[in-house]
């Protein structure tokens, strides 16, 4: 089995993998969607399976995890496809709330390889599928074989051209919008909304959390007071409203019922009250509203049960507490909004000394993330993510951190250091004083490595 498993994983990995590239060719995205749809159709998904398709800048994975727990607690057999994985490929293909068994993934991928050989033979000049495209096909095949009642698909990059957009959903969710992958998705929030909104299907209902608490966003006048390097990627109230207008137009053209959420209600806030990161409240609201829509009618008793499911859903690397004395927290926060939510809650945790371990991918808003996080810490430790080609180098990280430090009040600037030996640093943190706090943030890849080190 180990040899077969290695062969199966190589079948996925020995292809173009955009997750490992520093730049993604915009003109290549989506070029294989119709062919991928034809390939997936050969699997014949069970007609009774509900499919929920989730897109957005942030909150996709958490919303999916909340919904998966809701459906599972009601007795449904769930299939959940997310990306990236933290430790192993099996995490991307969750069945019944747990990563699929290695043997099941091996069997699925080898069957996929066999089917693809015949499919490619009929189209010898076709563009080869990427790693992500084949992982989507594997999810469809695996979840069909496992006879899942509900399938939740988290979009990868964007929406319109994303491989997950070959699905035929019963519900579409748009979680939030922010400035990310602008070289691919567009420079304005409205352009990004058009790409993300590409997942909207004719006559299929849509739940949108884009406008939640938009009045808390800065106005144009408030934007002018920020440092120059922050303005370009700061989401304003006006930008959110323009994005909402774009989504409305898409939904209207496709005759898709659109439910726009404006705020977080008390039930959702209570369900997420023990979560680190205030953004989890909005994700809880989106999940509750989606469950309500799929249920077809209001049901107070079921809503109470859904809130309990949200409160108990595991959220790996999302404000995850690995230790309590000393406090060790990992969070995949890789957008300015998610960093702000994390910083808000960290500010309420008492600690004699706070250390932020930080790494980021090259395409992230590093200055914006550090702007939110740095004032909460006594020390900032910069590092690179091992074996991740998209990781930003320590030298560039240091330059950006100093840029942020130059515009912060001196009393809010932490000491800044850099380390190249991440494993050695983590070994040293096991003897931290009990009244200190260590938080690793900036990337799910970093969060995964820190979590693995402490679990060992």
Protein backbone atom coordinates (compact mmCIF):
# COMPACT_ATOMS: atom_id res chain seq x y z
CA UNK A 1 0.00 0.00 0.00
CA UNK A 2 2.75 2.58 0.78
CA UNK A 3 4.22 2.13 -2.70
CA UNK A 4 0.79 2.47 -4.32
CA UNK A 5 0.10 5.52 -2.17
CA UNK A 6 3.34 7.15 -3.28
CA UNK A 7 2.48 6.46 -6.90
CA UNK A 8 -1.01 7.91 -6.39
CA UNK A 9 0.31 11.13 -4.81
CA UNK A 10 2.91 11.47 -7.54
CA UNK A 11 0.08 11.26 -10.07
CA UNK A 12 -1.27 14.48 -8.50
CA UNK A 13 1.97 16.27 -7.79
CA UNK A 14 3.87 15.61 -11.03
CA UNK A 15 1.82 18.21 -12.85
CA UNK A 16 1.60 21.98 -13.01
CA UNK A 17 0.83 23.05 -9.45
CA UNK A 18 -0.11 26.73 -9.22
CA UNK A 19 0.04 26.58 -5.42
CA UNK A 20 3.81 26.26 -5.70
CA UNK A 21 4.39 28.98 -8.32
CA UNK A 22 5.29 32.55 -7.43
CA UNK A 23 3.31 33.86 -10.41
CA UNK A 24 0.33 32.32 -12.15
CA UNK A 25 -0.28 32.91 -15.87
CA UNK A 26 -3.62 34.69 -16.00
CA UNK A 27 -4.41 33.55 -19.54
CA UNK A 28 -4.07 29.89 -18.54
CA UNK A 29 -6.70 29.95 -15.80
CA UNK A 30 -10.00 28.39 -16.78
CA UNK A 31 -8.81 27.22 -20.18
CA UNK A 32 -9.53 23.59 -19.28
CA UNK A 33 -12.84 23.99 -17.45
CA UNK A 34 -15.09 22.59 -20.16
CA UNK A 35 -12.78 19.61 -20.64
CA UNK A 36 -12.63 19.02 -16.88
CA UNK A 37 -16.44 19.11 -16.74
CA UNK A 38 -16.61 16.43 -19.45
CA UNK A 39 -14.11 14.30 -17.56
CA UNK A 40 -16.01 14.63 -14.27
CA UNK A 41 -19.31 13.80 -15.96
CA UNK A 42 -18.02 10.29 -16.57
CA UNK A 43 -18.27 9.73 -12.78
CA UNK A 44 -22.01 10.43 -12.60
CA UNK A 45 -22.47 12.12 -9.21
CA UNK A 46 -25.51 10.86 -7.31
CA UNK A 47 -28.47 13.17 -8.10
CA UNK A 48 -29.55 13.25 -4.44
CA UNK A 49 -26.28 14.77 -3.24
CA UNK A 50 -26.61 18.40 -2.18
CA UNK A 51 -23.67 20.55 -3.27
CA UNK A 52 -22.68 23.82 -1.60
CA UNK A 53 -20.08 25.89 -3.46
CA UNK A 54 -18.17 28.44 -1.35
CA UNK A 55 -16.04 31.29 -2.76
CA UNK A 56 -14.60 34.50 -1.33
CA UNK A 57 -11.34 36.13 -0.28
CA UNK A 58 -11.36 34.86 3.29
CA UNK A 59 -13.60 32.78 5.51
CA UNK A 60 -14.27 30.07 2.90
CA UNK A 61 -12.64 27.26 4.84
CA UNK A 62 -14.12 28.22 8.20
CA UNK A 63 -17.63 28.61 6.76
CA UNK A 64 -17.26 25.21 5.12
CA UNK A 65 -16.16 23.63 8.41
CA UNK A 66 -19.10 25.20 10.27
CA UNK A 67 -21.57 23.94 7.65
CA UNK A 68 -20.01 20.49 7.55
CA UNK A 69 -20.48 20.14 11.31
CA UNK A 70 -24.10 21.33 11.04
CA UNK A 71 -24.94 18.76 8.37
CA UNK A 72 -23.01 15.97 10.08
CA UNK A 73 -24.69 16.58 13.42
CA UNK A 74 -28.04 16.24 11.66
CA UNK A 75 -27.03 12.80 10.45
CA UNK A 76 -25.88 13.57 6.91
CA UNK A 77 -22.84 11.87 5.39
CA UNK A 78 -20.63 14.79 4.43
CA UNK A 79 -17.91 15.28 1.87
CA UNK A 80 -15.73 18.37 2.28
CA UNK A 81 -13.14 19.55 -0.26
CA UNK A 82 -10.77 22.29 0.92
CA UNK A 83 -7.29 23.59 0.13
CA UNK A 84 -4.47 23.80 0.90
CA UNK A 85 -3.79 20.91 3.25
CA UNK A 86 -1.77 21.40 6.44
CA UNK A 87 -0.05 18.02 6.79
CA UNK A 88 -1.26 15.51 4.19
CA UNK A 89 -3.30 15.36 0.98
CA UNK A 90 -6.02 13.35 2.72
CA UNK A 91 -7.08 16.51 4.60
CA UNK A 92 -8.43 18.01 1.38
CA UNK A 93 -10.91 15.16 1.04
CA UNK A 94 -12.83 14.95 4.32
CA UNK A 95 -15.58 12.34 4.69
CA UNK A 96 -17.81 12.39 7.74
CA UNK A 97 -15.73 15.06 9.45
CA UNK A 98 -12.34 13.34 9.14
CA UNK A 99 -9.65 13.23 6.45
CA UNK A 100 -10.27 10.33 4.10
CA UNK A 101 -8.29 7.16 4.75
CA UNK A 102 -4.97 6.94 2.84
CA UNK A 103 -6.18 3.71 1.25
CA UNK A 104 -9.36 5.39 -0.02
CA UNK A 105 -7.38 8.27 -1.53
CA UNK A 106 -4.91 5.84 -3.10
CA UNK A 107 -7.71 3.79 -4.65
CA UNK A 108 -9.45 6.93 -5.92
CA UNK A 109 -6.35 8.46 -7.48
CA UNK A 110 -5.25 5.25 -9.17
CA UNK A 111 -8.74 4.80 -10.60
CA UNK A 112 -8.62 8.44 -11.73
CA UNK A 113 -5.25 7.81 -13.37
CA UNK A 114 -6.66 4.83 -15.26
CA UNK A 115 -9.71 6.78 -16.45
CA UNK A 116 -7.58 9.76 -17.41
CA UNK A 117 -5.33 7.62 -19.60
CA UNK A 118 -8.32 6.59 -21.69
CA UNK A 119 -9.72 10.13 -21.68
CA UNK A 120 -6.40 11.66 -22.77
CA UNK A 121 -6.01 9.05 -25.50
CA UNK A 122 -9.17 10.35 -27.14
CA UNK A 123 -7.80 13.93 -27.06
CA UNK A 124 -4.02 13.61 -27.59
CA UNK A 125 -3.48 17.33 -28.23
CA UNK A 126 -5.43 18.57 -25.21
CA UNK A 127 -3.90 20.70 -22.45
CA UNK A 128 -2.95 18.47 -19.48
CA UNK A 129 -4.90 18.90 -16.29
CA UNK A 130 -3.18 20.69 -13.38
CA UNK A 131 -2.71 19.31 -9.88
CA UNK A 132 -5.69 21.28 -8.58
CA UNK A 133 -7.96 20.29 -11.46
CA UNK A 134 -7.26 16.62 -10.84
CA UNK A 135 -7.77 17.04 -7.09
CA UNK A 136 -11.25 18.43 -7.83
CA UNK A 137 -11.98 15.44 -10.05
CA UNK A 138 -10.72 13.15 -7.29
CA UNK A 139 -13.08 14.82 -4.81
CA UNK A 140 -16.08 14.18 -7.05
CA UNK A 141 -15.12 10.55 -7.56
CA UNK A 142 -14.33 9.88 -3.90
CA UNK A 143 -17.48 11.54 -2.56
CA UNK A 144 -19.61 9.67 -5.09
CA UNK A 145 -18.08 6.35 -4.04
CA UNK A 146 -18.66 7.21 -0.38
CA UNK A 147 -22.29 8.10 -1.15
CA UNK A 148 -22.09 11.48 0.55
CA UNK A 149 -25.41 13.20 1.12
CA UNK A 150 -23.93 16.71 1.19
CA UNK A 151 -20.81 17.92 -0.61
CA UNK A 152 -19.11 21.19 0.30
CA UNK A 153 -16.62 22.61 -2.19
CA UNK A 154 -14.24 25.43 -1.26
CA UNK A 155 -13.08 27.37 -4.31
CA UNK A 156 -9.34 27.71 -4.72
CA UNK A 157 -8.39 30.90 -6.57
CA UNK A 158 -11.12 33.31 -7.64
CA UNK A 159 -14.27 31.60 -8.80
CA UNK A 160 -15.19 32.07 -12.44
CA UNK A 161 -12.14 30.19 -13.72
CA UNK A 162 -11.61 27.97 -10.68
CA UNK A 163 -11.73 24.21 -11.20
CA UNK A 164 -14.44 23.82 -8.55
CA UNK A 165 -16.74 25.89 -10.78
CA UNK A 166 -17.55 22.78 -12.81
CA UNK A 167 -19.98 21.77 -10.06
CA UNK A 168 -23.77 22.03 -10.26
CA UNK A 169 -24.55 23.41 -6.80
CA UNK A 170 -27.75 23.65 -4.82
CA UNK A 171 -26.42 26.72 -3.02
CA UNK A 172 -23.65 29.26 -3.65
CA UNK A 173 -21.92 31.19 -0.87
CA UNK A 174 -19.77 34.32 -1.20
CA UNK A 175 -18.03 34.94 2.12
CA UNK A 176 -16.07 38.20 1.77
CA UNK A 177 -13.96 40.25 -0.60
CA UNK A 178 -10.52 41.79 -0.26
CA UNK A 179 -7.51 42.76 -2.34
CA UNK A 180 -5.64 39.57 -3.14
CA UNK A 181 -4.22 38.05 -6.35
CA UNK A 182 -4.92 41.37 -8.08
CA UNK A 183 -2.70 40.46 -11.02
CA UNK A 184 -5.23 37.72 -11.78
CA UNK A 185 -8.55 38.84 -10.31
CA UNK A 186 -8.45 42.58 -11.01
CA UNK A 187 -7.39 45.82 -9.36
CA UNK A 188 -10.73 47.07 -8.07
CA UNK A 189 -12.99 45.29 -5.59
CA UNK A 190 -15.73 45.36 -8.23
CA UNK A 191 -13.46 43.48 -10.66
CA UNK A 192 -12.62 40.96 -7.95
CA UNK A 193 -16.35 40.62 -7.24
CA UNK A 194 -16.97 39.81 -10.90
CA UNK A 195 -14.42 36.98 -10.74
CA UNK A 196 -15.65 35.60 -7.42
CA UNK A 197 -19.26 36.08 -8.51
CA UNK A 198 -18.55 33.89 -11.51
CA UNK A 199 -19.59 30.93 -9.34
CA UNK A 200 -23.21 32.15 -9.38
CA UNK A 201 -25.36 29.75 -11.41
CA UNK A 202 -28.73 30.33 -13.14
CA UNK A 203 -31.63 30.14 -10.66
CA UNK A 204 -29.42 28.80 -7.85
CA UNK A 205 -29.73 30.75 -4.56
CA UNK A 206 -26.77 32.76 -3.29
CA UNK A 207 -25.90 33.75 0.27
CA UNK A 208 -23.52 36.73 0.34
CA UNK A 209 -21.61 37.94 3.39
CA UNK A 210 -19.76 40.62 1.42
CA UNK A 211 -21.70 43.48 2.99
CA UNK A 212 -21.59 42.36 6.64
CA UNK A 213 -20.59 45.32 8.81
CA UNK A 214 -19.53 47.34 5.78
CA UNK A 215 -20.27 50.54 7.70
CA UNK A 216 -17.23 49.77 9.85
CA UNK A 217 -15.04 50.14 6.77
CA UNK A 218 -13.11 53.41 6.40
CA UNK A 219 -14.46 56.21 4.25
CA UNK A 220 -12.43 57.93 1.54
CA UNK A 221 -11.62 60.72 4.01
CA UNK A 222 -10.36 58.25 6.61
CA UNK A 223 -8.34 56.45 3.93
CA UNK A 224 -6.33 59.60 3.24
CA UNK A 225 -4.93 59.52 6.79
CA UNK A 226 -3.26 56.13 6.31
CA UNK A 227 0.36 55.68 5.19
CA UNK A 228 0.75 55.59 1.41
CA UNK A 229 1.66 51.91 1.26
CA UNK A 230 -1.57 50.91 3.02
CA UNK A 231 -4.06 52.89 0.95
CA UNK A 232 -4.02 50.75 -2.18
CA UNK A 233 -5.11 47.56 -0.41
CA UNK A 234 -7.46 49.09 2.17
CA UNK A 235 -11.08 48.13 1.52
CA UNK A 236 -13.35 51.16 1.83
CA UNK A 237 -17.09 51.31 2.40
CA UNK A 238 -17.58 52.62 -1.13
CA UNK A 239 -15.54 49.77 -2.64
CA UNK A 240 -17.66 47.19 -0.80
CA UNK A 241 -20.87 48.81 -2.05
CA UNK A 242 -19.56 48.80 -5.63
CA UNK A 243 -18.66 45.12 -5.26
CA UNK A 244 -22.13 44.35 -3.91
CA UNK A 245 -23.64 46.10 -6.92
CA UNK A 246 -21.54 43.90 -9.22
CA UNK A 247 -22.73 40.73 -7.48
CA UNK A 248 -26.35 41.91 -7.67
CA UNK A 249 -26.04 42.41 -11.43
CA UNK A 250 -24.60 38.94 -11.94
CA UNK A 251 -27.33 37.36 -9.80
CA UNK A 252 -30.01 39.36 -11.61
CA UNK A 253 -28.72 38.33 -15.06
CA UNK A 254 -28.76 34.69 -13.99
CA UNK A 255 -32.11 34.91 -12.19
CA UNK A 256 -30.39 33.68 -9.01
CA UNK A 257 -32.09 34.54 -5.70
CA UNK A 258 -29.61 36.64 -3.69
CA UNK A 259 -29.63 36.86 0.11
CA UNK A 260 -27.36 39.69 1.25
CA UNK A 261 -26.35 39.59 4.91
CA UNK A 262 -25.95 42.96 6.61
CA UNK A 263 -24.88 42.14 10.17
CA UNK A 264 -24.12 39.37 12.66
CA UNK A 265 -27.15 38.43 14.74
CA UNK A 266 -26.94 37.51 18.47
CA UNK A 267 -27.22 33.76 17.79
CA UNK A 268 -24.24 33.72 15.42
CA UNK A 269 -22.19 35.94 17.73
CA UNK A 270 -22.89 33.64 20.67
CA UNK A 271 -22.02 30.53 18.66
CA UNK A 272 -18.58 31.95 17.85
CA UNK A 273 -17.93 33.79 21.12
CA UNK A 274 -15.17 31.42 22.26
CA UNK A 275 -13.29 31.60 18.96
CA UNK A 276 -10.10 33.61 18.56
CA UNK A 277 -10.56 36.02 15.68
CA UNK A 278 -13.70 38.15 15.52
CA UNK A 279 -14.13 37.24 11.84
CA UNK A 280 -15.44 33.86 13.00
CA UNK A 281 -18.67 35.60 14.02
CA UNK A 282 -19.37 36.64 10.44
CA UNK A 283 -18.48 33.16 9.22
CA UNK A 284 -20.91 31.73 11.76
CA UNK A 285 -23.61 34.09 10.46
CA UNK A 286 -23.02 32.99 6.87
CA UNK A 287 -23.16 29.31 7.86
CA UNK A 288 -26.37 29.79 9.86
CA UNK A 289 -28.05 31.68 7.02
CA UNK A 290 -26.98 29.03 4.50
CA UNK A 291 -28.33 26.21 6.68
CA UNK A 292 -31.60 28.10 7.11
CA UNK A 293 -31.96 28.61 3.38
CA UNK A 294 -31.34 24.94 2.62
CA UNK A 295 -33.84 23.95 5.33
CA UNK A 296 -36.50 25.89 3.47
CA UNK A 297 -38.18 27.48 6.48
CA UNK A 298 -37.32 29.03 9.87
CA UNK A 299 -37.03 26.47 12.65
CA UNK A 300 -35.95 27.85 16.08
CA UNK A 301 -35.17 24.39 17.49
CA UNK A 302 -32.94 23.47 14.56
CA UNK A 303 -31.27 26.89 14.67
CA UNK A 304 -30.32 26.31 18.29
CA UNK A 305 -28.84 22.96 17.29
CA UNK A 306 -26.93 24.58 14.42
CA UNK A 307 -25.42 27.11 16.81
CA UNK A 308 -24.24 24.27 19.03
CA UNK A 309 -22.65 22.60 16.00
CA UNK A 310 -20.81 25.82 15.10
CA UNK A 311 -19.59 26.23 18.67
CA UNK A 312 -18.10 22.72 18.67
CA UNK A 313 -16.67 22.61 15.13
CA UNK A 314 -12.88 22.10 15.08
CA UNK A 315 -10.98 24.88 13.31
CA UNK A 316 -7.37 23.77 12.75
CA UNK A 317 -4.89 26.64 12.34
CA UNK A 318 -7.64 29.23 12.80
CA UNK A 319 -7.03 30.77 16.18
CA UNK A 320 -6.07 27.30 17.35
CA UNK A 321 -4.68 27.10 20.89
CA UNK A 322 -1.89 24.52 21.04
CA UNK A 323 -0.88 25.24 24.64
CA UNK A 324 -2.26 27.44 27.40
CA UNK A 325 0.66 27.98 29.80
CA UNK A 326 2.53 29.37 28.03
CA UNK A 327 -0.07 30.35 25.45
CA UNK A 328 0.80 29.07 21.98
CA UNK A 329 -1.63 30.05 19.22
CA UNK A 330 -1.49 29.40 15.49
CA UNK A 331 -3.58 31.26 12.93
CA UNK A 332 -3.36 31.11 9.17
CA UNK A 333 -4.26 34.82 8.97
CA UNK A 334 -2.96 35.88 5.56
CA UNK A 335 -5.10 38.93 4.81
CA UNK A 336 -5.23 42.28 6.54
CA UNK A 337 -8.83 41.71 7.64
CA UNK A 338 -8.06 38.34 9.22
CA UNK A 339 -4.97 39.83 10.90
CA UNK A 340 -7.09 42.67 12.33
CA UNK A 341 -9.59 40.16 13.71
CA UNK A 342 -6.78 38.14 15.29
CA UNK A 343 -5.15 41.25 16.76
CA UNK A 344 -8.42 42.36 18.33
CA UNK A 345 -8.74 39.15 20.33
CA UNK A 346 -5.04 38.81 21.16
CA UNK A 347 -5.24 42.23 22.77
CA UNK A 348 -7.56 40.71 25.39
CA UNK A 349 -5.15 37.93 26.39
CA UNK A 350 -2.94 38.73 29.38
CA UNK A 351 0.75 37.87 28.90
CA UNK A 352 4.03 39.12 30.36
CA UNK A 353 5.66 39.01 26.92
CA UNK A 354 4.23 38.45 23.46
CA UNK A 355 6.13 37.06 20.48
CA UNK A 356 4.84 36.93 16.92
CA UNK A 357 6.41 34.32 14.65
CA UNK A 358 5.67 35.49 11.12
CA UNK A 359 6.10 34.24 7.57
CA UNK A 360 4.15 35.00 4.41
CA UNK A 361 3.80 34.08 0.78
CA UNK A 362 5.10 36.53 -1.79
CA UNK A 363 1.68 37.52 -3.14
CA UNK A 364 0.19 38.61 0.19
CA UNK A 365 -0.37 42.11 1.62
CA UNK A 366 2.50 41.75 4.06
CA UNK A 367 2.59 45.40 5.12
CA UNK A 368 -1.14 45.42 5.79
CA UNK A 369 -0.96 42.24 7.87
CA UNK A 370 2.01 43.51 9.89
CA UNK A 371 0.35 46.90 10.37
CA UNK A 372 -2.48 45.14 12.22
CA UNK A 373 -0.38 42.65 14.18
CA UNK A 374 2.88 44.36 15.15
CA UNK A 375 1.46 46.72 17.81
CA UNK A 376 0.18 43.72 19.79
CA UNK A 377 3.64 42.19 20.31
CA UNK A 378 6.88 42.79 22.15
CA UNK A 379 8.92 40.86 19.58
CA UNK A 380 8.48 40.04 15.91
CA UNK A 381 10.41 37.00 14.66
CA UNK A 382 10.55 36.68 10.86
CA UNK A 383 11.20 33.42 9.07
CA UNK A 384 10.71 31.61 5.78
CA UNK A 385 8.43 28.65 5.24
CA UNK A 386 10.56 25.59 4.44
CA UNK A 387 10.05 23.92 1.08
CA UNK A 388 7.51 26.51 -0.05
CA UNK A 389 8.77 28.24 -3.22
CA UNK A 390 6.20 31.04 -2.88
CA UNK A 391 7.52 31.97 0.58
CA UNK A 392 8.79 35.53 0.90
CA UNK A 393 12.50 35.67 1.75
CA UNK A 394 13.69 36.86 5.15
CA UNK A 395 15.47 39.86 3.65
CA UNK A 396 12.32 41.11 1.93
CA UNK A 397 10.25 40.42 5.05
CA UNK A 398 12.69 42.45 7.14
CA UNK A 399 12.50 45.34 4.68
CA UNK A 400 8.71 45.38 4.79
CA UNK A 401 8.57 45.06 8.57
CA UNK A 402 10.91 48.05 8.94
CA UNK A 403 8.73 50.00 6.53
CA UNK A 404 5.73 49.41 8.77
CA UNK A 405 7.75 50.16 11.90
CA UNK A 406 8.77 53.53 10.45
CA UNK A 407 5.17 54.80 10.50
CA UNK A 408 4.03 53.25 13.79
CA UNK A 409 4.33 55.15 17.09
CA UNK A 410 7.68 54.08 18.63
CA UNK A 411 6.00 52.58 21.71
CA UNK A 412 4.02 50.22 19.45
CA UNK A 413 7.02 48.88 17.52
CA UNK A 414 8.24 45.45 18.66
CA UNK A 415 11.84 44.28 18.57
CA UNK A 416 12.41 42.68 15.17
CA UNK A 417 14.55 39.59 14.63
CA UNK A 418 14.96 36.96 11.92
CA UNK A 419 15.64 33.22 12.05
CA UNK A 420 16.53 30.75 9.31
CA UNK A 421 16.30 27.62 11.47
CA UNK A 422 12.55 27.36 12.12
CA UNK A 423 12.78 23.88 13.62
CA UNK A 424 15.49 24.97 16.06
CA UNK A 425 13.50 28.03 17.08
CA UNK A 426 10.42 25.92 17.78
CA UNK A 427 12.42 23.47 19.88
CA UNK A 428 13.54 26.41 22.00
CA UNK A 429 9.99 27.68 22.53
CA UNK A 430 8.99 24.51 24.39
CA UNK A 431 10.59 25.96 27.50
CA UNK A 432 8.89 29.35 27.37
CA UNK A 433 7.87 30.83 30.75
CA UNK A 434 4.26 30.05 31.57
CA UNK A 435 3.17 33.70 31.46
CA UNK A 436 4.35 34.32 27.88
CA UNK A 437 2.46 34.14 24.58
CA UNK A 438 3.69 32.89 21.20
CA UNK A 439 1.54 33.37 18.14
CA UNK A 440 2.43 32.06 14.67
CA UNK A 441 0.56 33.83 11.87
CA UNK A 442 0.79 35.02 8.28
CA UNK A 443 0.35 31.72 6.46
CA UNK A 444 -1.41 28.37 6.82
CA UNK A 445 1.87 26.74 5.78
CA UNK A 446 3.64 28.27 8.78
CA UNK A 447 0.73 27.44 11.09
CA UNK A 448 0.91 23.81 9.96
CA UNK A 449 4.61 23.49 10.71
CA UNK A 450 4.27 25.06 14.14
CA UNK A 451 1.27 22.87 14.99
CA UNK A 452 3.15 19.76 13.86
CA UNK A 453 6.17 20.67 16.00
CA UNK A 454 4.11 21.11 19.15
CA UNK A 455 2.07 17.95 18.54
CA UNK A 456 5.25 15.95 18.26
